[in-house]
């Protein structure tokens, strides 16, 4: 995945995360990720992507098993997008 495609997907990823949590750390991470993408700050992108991917790794099973989460497939898609872009900017 290239940066332009990630930029197109980013609002959807952030929106999906925010439908599930208002965790202050995640709110900060998503804000920083958006800013880093806009300013081509790859160091911050890698750092924040690692944190968000770690969060999803820990939280995805809870999301999948939560009867009140209506967009489980969107979380899976968001997680895949984050991992693909992180791999692309090694």
C-alpha atoms as a PDB file:
ATOM      1  CA  UNK A   1       0.000   0.000   0.000  1.00  0.00           C
ATOM      2  CA  UNK A   2       1.371   3.391  -0.938  1.00  0.00           C
ATOM      3  CA  UNK A   3       1.015   6.623   1.015  1.00  0.00           C
ATOM      4  CA  UNK A   4      -1.714   8.057  -1.212  1.00  0.00           C
ATOM      5  CA  UNK A   5      -3.898   4.980  -0.777  1.00  0.00           C
ATOM      6  CA  UNK A   6      -3.280   4.996   2.984  1.00  0.00           C
ATOM      7  CA  UNK A   7      -4.185   8.683   3.110  1.00  0.00           C
ATOM      8  CA  UNK A   8      -7.487   7.885   1.387  1.00  0.00           C
ATOM      9  CA  UNK A   9      -8.223   5.073   3.861  1.00  0.00           C
ATOM     10  CA  UNK A  10      -7.062   6.901   6.999  1.00  0.00           C
ATOM     11  CA  UNK A  11     -10.293   8.753   7.843  1.00  0.00           C
ATOM     12  CA  UNK A  12     -12.185   5.476   7.666  1.00  0.00           C
ATOM     13  CA  UNK A  13      -9.642   3.755   9.902  1.00  0.00           C
ATOM     14  CA  UNK A  14      -9.766   6.570  12.463  1.00  0.00           C
ATOM     15  CA  UNK A  15     -13.560   6.724  12.337  1.00  0.00           C
ATOM     16  CA  UNK A  16     -13.794   2.981  12.864  1.00  0.00           C
ATOM     17  CA  UNK A  17     -11.527   3.110  15.904  1.00  0.00           C
ATOM     18  CA  UNK A  18     -13.517   5.986  17.368  1.00  0.00           C
ATOM     19  CA  UNK A  19     -16.807   4.065  17.059  1.00  0.00           C
ATOM     20  CA  UNK A  20     -15.362   1.593  19.551  1.00  0.00           C
ATOM     21  CA  UNK A  21     -13.258   3.582  22.005  1.00  0.00           C
ATOM     22  CA  UNK A  22     -12.700   7.009  23.449  1.00  0.00           C
ATOM     23  CA  UNK A  23      -9.489   5.863  25.098  1.00  0.00           C
ATOM     24  CA  UNK A  24      -7.399   9.050  25.459  1.00  0.00           C
ATOM     25  CA  UNK A  25      -4.268   7.274  24.243  1.00  0.00           C
ATOM     26  CA  UNK A  26      -6.015   6.086  21.077  1.00  0.00           C
ATOM     27  CA  UNK A  27      -7.472   9.542  20.493  1.00  0.00           C
ATOM     28  CA  UNK A  28      -3.961  10.988  20.716  1.00  0.00           C
ATOM     29  CA  UNK A  29      -2.441   8.285  18.530  1.00  0.00           C
ATOM     30  CA  UNK A  30      -4.987   8.745  15.763  1.00  0.00           C
ATOM     31  CA  UNK A  31      -4.556  12.524  15.848  1.00  0.00           C
ATOM     32  CA  UNK A  32      -0.761  12.182  15.670  1.00  0.00           C
ATOM     33  CA  UNK A  33      -0.990   9.615  12.877  1.00  0.00           C
ATOM     34  CA  UNK A  34      -3.132  11.903  10.757  1.00  0.00           C
ATOM     35  CA  UNK A  35      -0.748  14.813  11.319  1.00  0.00           C
ATOM     36  CA  UNK A  36       2.318  12.659  10.576  1.00  0.00           C
ATOM     37  CA  UNK A  37       0.800  11.506   7.275  1.00  0.00           C
ATOM     38  CA  UNK A  38      -0.013  15.079   6.303  1.00  0.00           C
ATOM     39  CA  UNK A  39       3.547  16.269   7.059  1.00  0.00           C
ATOM     40  CA  UNK A  40       5.430  13.220   5.701  1.00  0.00           C
ATOM     41  CA  UNK A  41       6.860  12.489   9.163  1.00  0.00           C
ATOM     42  CA  UNK A  42       7.725   8.828   8.659  1.00  0.00           C
ATOM     43  CA  UNK A  43       9.415   8.417  12.032  1.00  0.00           C
ATOM     44  CA  UNK A  44       6.227   9.435  13.839  1.00  0.00           C
ATOM     45  CA  UNK A  45       4.116   7.369  11.451  1.00  0.00           C
ATOM     46  CA  UNK A  46       6.099   4.224  12.279  1.00  0.00           C
ATOM     47  CA  UNK A  47       5.961   4.924  16.018  1.00  0.00           C
ATOM     48  CA  UNK A  48       2.229   5.600  16.094  1.00  0.00           C
ATOM     49  CA  UNK A  49       1.367   2.769  13.714  1.00  0.00           C
ATOM     50  CA  UNK A  50       3.195   0.369  16.020  1.00  0.00           C
ATOM     51  CA  UNK A  51       1.169   1.611  18.983  1.00  0.00           C
ATOM     52  CA  UNK A  52      -2.176   1.414  17.163  1.00  0.00           C
ATOM     53  CA  UNK A  53      -1.368  -2.034  15.738  1.00  0.00           C
ATOM     54  CA  UNK A  54      -0.412  -3.245  19.224  1.00  0.00           C
ATOM     55  CA  UNK A  55      -3.701  -1.921  20.578  1.00  0.00           C
ATOM     56  CA  UNK A  56      -5.677  -3.669  17.838  1.00  0.00           C
ATOM     57  CA  UNK A  57      -3.730  -6.895  18.420  1.00  0.00           C
ATOM     58  CA  UNK A  58      -4.845  -6.845  22.042  1.00  0.00           C
ATOM     59  CA  UNK A  59      -8.380  -5.567  21.445  1.00  0.00           C
ATOM     60  CA  UNK A  60      -9.581  -7.283  18.249  1.00  0.00           C
ATOM     61  CA  UNK A  61     -10.861 -10.435  19.978  1.00  0.00           C
ATOM     62  CA  UNK A  62     -12.871  -8.277  22.395  1.00  0.00           C
ATOM     63  CA  UNK A  63     -14.288  -6.364  19.435  1.00  0.00           C
ATOM     64  CA  UNK A  64     -15.228  -9.581  17.626  1.00  0.00           C
ATOM     65  CA  UNK A  65     -16.965 -10.957  20.719  1.00  0.00           C
ATOM     66  CA  UNK A  66     -18.776  -7.773  21.761  1.00  0.00           C
ATOM     67  CA  UNK A  67     -22.474  -8.077  20.938  1.00  0.00           C
ATOM     68  CA  UNK A  68     -22.814  -4.289  20.819  1.00  0.00           C
ATOM     69  CA  UNK A  69     -20.144  -3.725  18.148  1.00  0.00           C
ATOM     70  CA  UNK A  70     -22.031  -3.407  14.870  1.00  0.00           C
ATOM     71  CA  UNK A  71     -19.065  -2.967  12.521  1.00  0.00           C
ATOM     72  CA  UNK A  72     -16.768  -5.876  13.363  1.00  0.00           C
ATOM     73  CA  UNK A  73     -15.756  -6.337   9.708  1.00  0.00           C
ATOM     74  CA  UNK A  74     -14.697  -2.695   9.513  1.00  0.00           C
ATOM     75  CA  UNK A  75     -12.338  -3.193  12.465  1.00  0.00           C
ATOM     76  CA  UNK A  76     -10.784  -6.185  10.743  1.00  0.00           C
ATOM     77  CA  UNK A  77     -10.361  -4.092   7.578  1.00  0.00           C
ATOM     78  CA  UNK A  78      -8.851  -1.184   9.537  1.00  0.00           C
ATOM     79  CA  UNK A  79      -6.383  -3.529  11.238  1.00  0.00           C
ATOM     80  CA  UNK A  80      -5.313  -4.964   7.875  1.00  0.00           C
ATOM     81  CA  UNK A  81      -4.862  -1.476   6.368  1.00  0.00           C
ATOM     82  CA  UNK A  82      -2.708  -0.372   9.310  1.00  0.00           C
ATOM     83  CA  UNK A  83      -0.511  -3.465   9.086  1.00  0.00           C
ATOM     84  CA  UNK A  84      -0.140  -3.193   5.301  1.00  0.00           C
ATOM     85  CA  UNK A  85       0.944   0.431   5.444  1.00  0.00           C
ATOM     86  CA  UNK A  86       3.289  -0.201   8.360  1.00  0.00           C
ATOM     87  CA  UNK A  87       4.967  -2.947   6.381  1.00  0.00           C
ATOM     88  CA  UNK A  88       5.221  -0.631   3.351  1.00  0.00           C
ATOM     89  CA  UNK A  89       7.154   2.022   5.304  1.00  0.00           C
ATOM     90  CA  UNK A  90       9.720  -0.265   6.943  1.00  0.00           C
END
